[in-house]
Amino acid sequence: MGMYNEKVMEHFTNPKNTGVIENADAVGTYGSPVCGDMMEISLKVENNVITDAKFRTFGCGSAIASSSVATEMIKGRTLEDALKLTNQNFVDELGGLPGAKIHCSVLAEQAIKTAIYMYAKEHGLELPGLEGFDPDSEFDHEDGEEDES
């Protein structure tokens, strides 16, 4: 069995919600410079509720399992509730990940946050949980002070 429990293996071998939503209301992409993993989450949103979520992940089994579980967990939730979910929730749902792989679940959290951020920006929504969130912050620490408006 190795490092992974059955639930992680299940989501890795049969991930839920893979692919891309046609005409998605929001798409969030997040890549980790650390491990080179890349994640894209697309959302369907109606009345501020996430009605569908799909993902494409280029990464290890933990990243794929985390994305699978994350998309399952945010479906049917309001944007606000989805923002409250952290990578720890995904890890718990999976029954734990090896310590070295925890950062893979952060990718899912960041990709979801980025998608919701894009949606909120486009629709002029102020959502708690997005204050100070900057989808580019991980990549570029140099000019974080500049306002892009």
Protein backbone atom coordinates (compact mmCIF):
# COMPACT_ATOMS: atom_id res chain seq x y z
CA MET A 1 0.00 0.00 0.00
CA GLY A 2 2.83 2.42 0.69
CA MET A 3 2.36 5.91 2.06
CA TYR A 4 -1.15 6.40 0.81
CA ASN A 5 -4.38 5.28 2.40
CA GLU A 6 -7.21 3.74 0.40
CA LYS A 7 -9.18 6.94 0.14
CA VAL A 8 -6.25 8.79 -1.39
CA MET A 9 -5.68 5.91 -3.81
CA GLU A 10 -9.36 5.88 -4.71
CA HIS A 11 -9.38 9.58 -5.59
CA PHE A 12 -6.08 9.21 -7.42
CA THR A 13 -7.13 6.25 -9.54
CA ASN A 14 -10.74 7.38 -10.04
CA PRO A 15 -10.67 11.14 -9.62
CA LYS A 16 -14.02 12.90 -9.62
CA ASN A 17 -14.83 15.98 -11.67
CA THR A 18 -11.90 15.89 -14.07
CA GLY A 19 -11.87 18.03 -17.17
CA VAL A 20 -13.05 21.50 -18.01
CA ILE A 21 -16.49 23.06 -17.68
CA GLU A 22 -17.63 24.51 -20.99
CA ASN A 23 -18.50 28.20 -20.57
CA ALA A 24 -17.31 28.15 -16.99
CA ASP A 25 -18.21 31.14 -14.85
CA ALA A 26 -14.79 31.15 -13.25
CA VAL A 27 -11.45 29.50 -13.83
CA GLY A 28 -8.55 29.50 -11.42
CA THR A 29 -5.08 28.28 -12.26
CA TYR A 30 -2.36 27.83 -9.72
CA GLY A 31 1.10 26.45 -10.09
CA SER A 32 3.68 25.62 -7.50
CA PRO A 33 7.19 26.82 -8.28
CA VAL A 34 8.37 24.35 -5.64
CA CYS A 35 7.26 21.11 -7.28
CA GLY A 36 6.19 22.21 -10.74
CA ASP A 37 2.65 20.96 -10.19
CA MET A 38 -0.08 22.87 -11.96
CA MET A 39 -3.76 22.96 -11.25
CA GLU A 40 -6.76 24.43 -13.01
CA ILE A 41 -10.21 24.59 -11.46
CA SER A 42 -13.29 25.66 -13.40
CA LEU A 43 -16.57 26.56 -11.72
CA LYS A 44 -20.20 27.00 -12.62
CA VAL A 45 -21.80 29.56 -10.31
CA GLU A 46 -25.49 30.34 -9.89
CA ASN A 47 -26.75 32.83 -7.34
CA ASN A 48 -23.35 32.71 -5.67
CA VAL A 49 -23.57 28.94 -5.26
CA ILE A 50 -21.03 26.65 -6.91
CA THR A 51 -23.21 24.28 -8.91
CA ASP A 52 -20.37 22.47 -10.64
CA ALA A 53 -16.60 22.21 -10.35
CA LYS A 54 -14.03 20.45 -12.50
CA PHE A 55 -10.28 20.28 -12.41
CA ARG A 56 -7.27 19.50 -14.51
CA THR A 57 -4.11 18.79 -12.59
CA PHE A 58 -0.60 18.17 -13.77
CA GLY A 59 1.03 16.72 -10.75
CA CYS A 60 1.51 13.87 -8.36
CA GLY A 61 -1.11 11.54 -6.94
CA SER A 62 -1.55 13.72 -3.87
CA ALA A 63 -2.27 16.79 -5.99
CA ILE A 64 -4.80 14.87 -8.06
CA ALA A 65 -6.48 13.32 -5.01
CA SER A 66 -6.62 16.73 -3.30
CA SER A 67 -8.21 18.32 -6.37
CA SER A 68 -10.74 15.53 -6.65
CA VAL A 69 -11.79 15.83 -3.03
CA ALA A 70 -11.75 19.64 -3.15
CA THR A 71 -14.10 19.83 -6.14
CA GLU A 72 -16.45 17.36 -4.43
CA MET A 73 -16.43 19.44 -1.25
CA ILE A 74 -17.12 22.83 -2.85
CA LYS A 75 -20.01 21.69 -5.03
CA GLY A 76 -23.30 22.96 -3.66
CA ARG A 77 -21.62 25.48 -1.38
CA THR A 78 -21.86 29.22 -1.56
CA LEU A 79 -18.74 31.05 -2.69
CA GLU A 80 -18.35 32.31 0.86
CA ASP A 81 -18.50 28.80 2.34
CA ALA A 82 -16.16 27.42 -0.30
CA LEU A 83 -13.62 30.07 0.66
CA LYS A 84 -13.70 28.85 4.25
CA LEU A 85 -12.40 25.44 3.22
CA THR A 86 -8.67 25.09 3.62
CA ASN A 87 -6.23 22.51 2.43
CA GLN A 88 -6.48 20.98 5.90
CA ASN A 89 -10.15 20.20 5.22
CA PHE A 90 -9.15 18.40 2.03
CA VAL A 91 -6.40 16.48 3.80
CA ASP A 92 -8.81 15.46 6.57
CA GLU A 93 -11.37 14.37 4.00
CA LEU A 94 -8.70 12.20 2.39
CA GLY A 95 -7.84 10.71 5.76
CA GLY A 96 -4.41 12.32 5.80
CA LEU A 97 -1.49 12.81 3.44
CA PRO A 98 2.19 12.13 4.01
CA GLY A 99 3.86 15.23 5.45
CA ALA A 100 5.94 15.87 2.36
CA LYS A 101 2.78 15.93 0.27
CA ILE A 102 0.72 18.39 2.30
CA HIS A 103 1.81 21.23 0.03
CA CYS A 104 0.03 19.49 -2.86
CA SER A 105 -3.30 20.08 -1.12
CA VAL A 106 -2.44 23.77 -0.83
CA LEU A 107 -2.51 23.90 -4.63
CA ALA A 108 -6.18 22.92 -4.61
CA GLU A 109 -7.01 25.57 -2.03
CA GLN A 110 -5.17 28.26 -3.98
CA ALA A 111 -6.67 27.28 -7.33
CA ILE A 112 -10.19 27.41 -5.88
CA LYS A 113 -9.46 30.76 -4.22
CA THR A 114 -8.12 32.11 -7.48
CA ALA A 115 -11.23 30.99 -9.40
CA ILE A 116 -13.53 32.59 -6.82
CA TYR A 117 -11.36 35.71 -6.79
CA MET A 118 -11.71 36.03 -10.57
CA TYR A 119 -15.46 35.55 -10.31
CA ALA A 120 -15.81 38.07 -7.50
CA LYS A 121 -13.72 40.60 -9.40
CA GLU A 122 -15.77 40.19 -12.54
CA HIS A 123 -19.07 40.56 -10.66
CA GLY A 124 -17.99 43.25 -8.22
CA LEU A 125 -18.49 41.02 -5.17
CA GLU A 126 -16.86 41.69 -1.83
CA LEU A 127 -16.32 38.28 -0.27
CA PRO A 128 -14.93 37.67 3.19
CA GLY A 129 -12.01 35.37 2.80
CA LEU A 130 -10.65 37.23 -0.19
CA GLU A 131 -9.32 40.28 1.61
CA GLY A 132 -5.69 40.68 0.73
CA PHE A 133 -5.74 37.66 -1.53
CA ASP A 134 -3.59 38.10 -4.59
CA PRO A 135 -3.52 35.22 -7.05
CA ASP A 136 -0.09 36.29 -8.25
CA SER A 137 1.50 36.79 -4.87
CA GLU A 138 3.31 33.46 -4.88
CA PHE A 139 5.13 34.19 -8.09
CA ASP A 140 6.15 37.75 -7.69
CA HIS A 141 7.14 39.36 -4.44
CA GLU A 142 8.86 42.35 -6.00
CA ASP A 143 6.08 44.76 -6.90
CA GLY A 144 3.36 43.66 -4.50
CA GLU A 145 2.79 47.28 -3.52
CA GLU A 146 1.51 48.49 -6.85
CA ASP A 147 -2.18 48.82 -7.44
CA GLU A 148 -3.24 47.71 -10.89
CA SER A 149 -6.35 49.81 -11.25
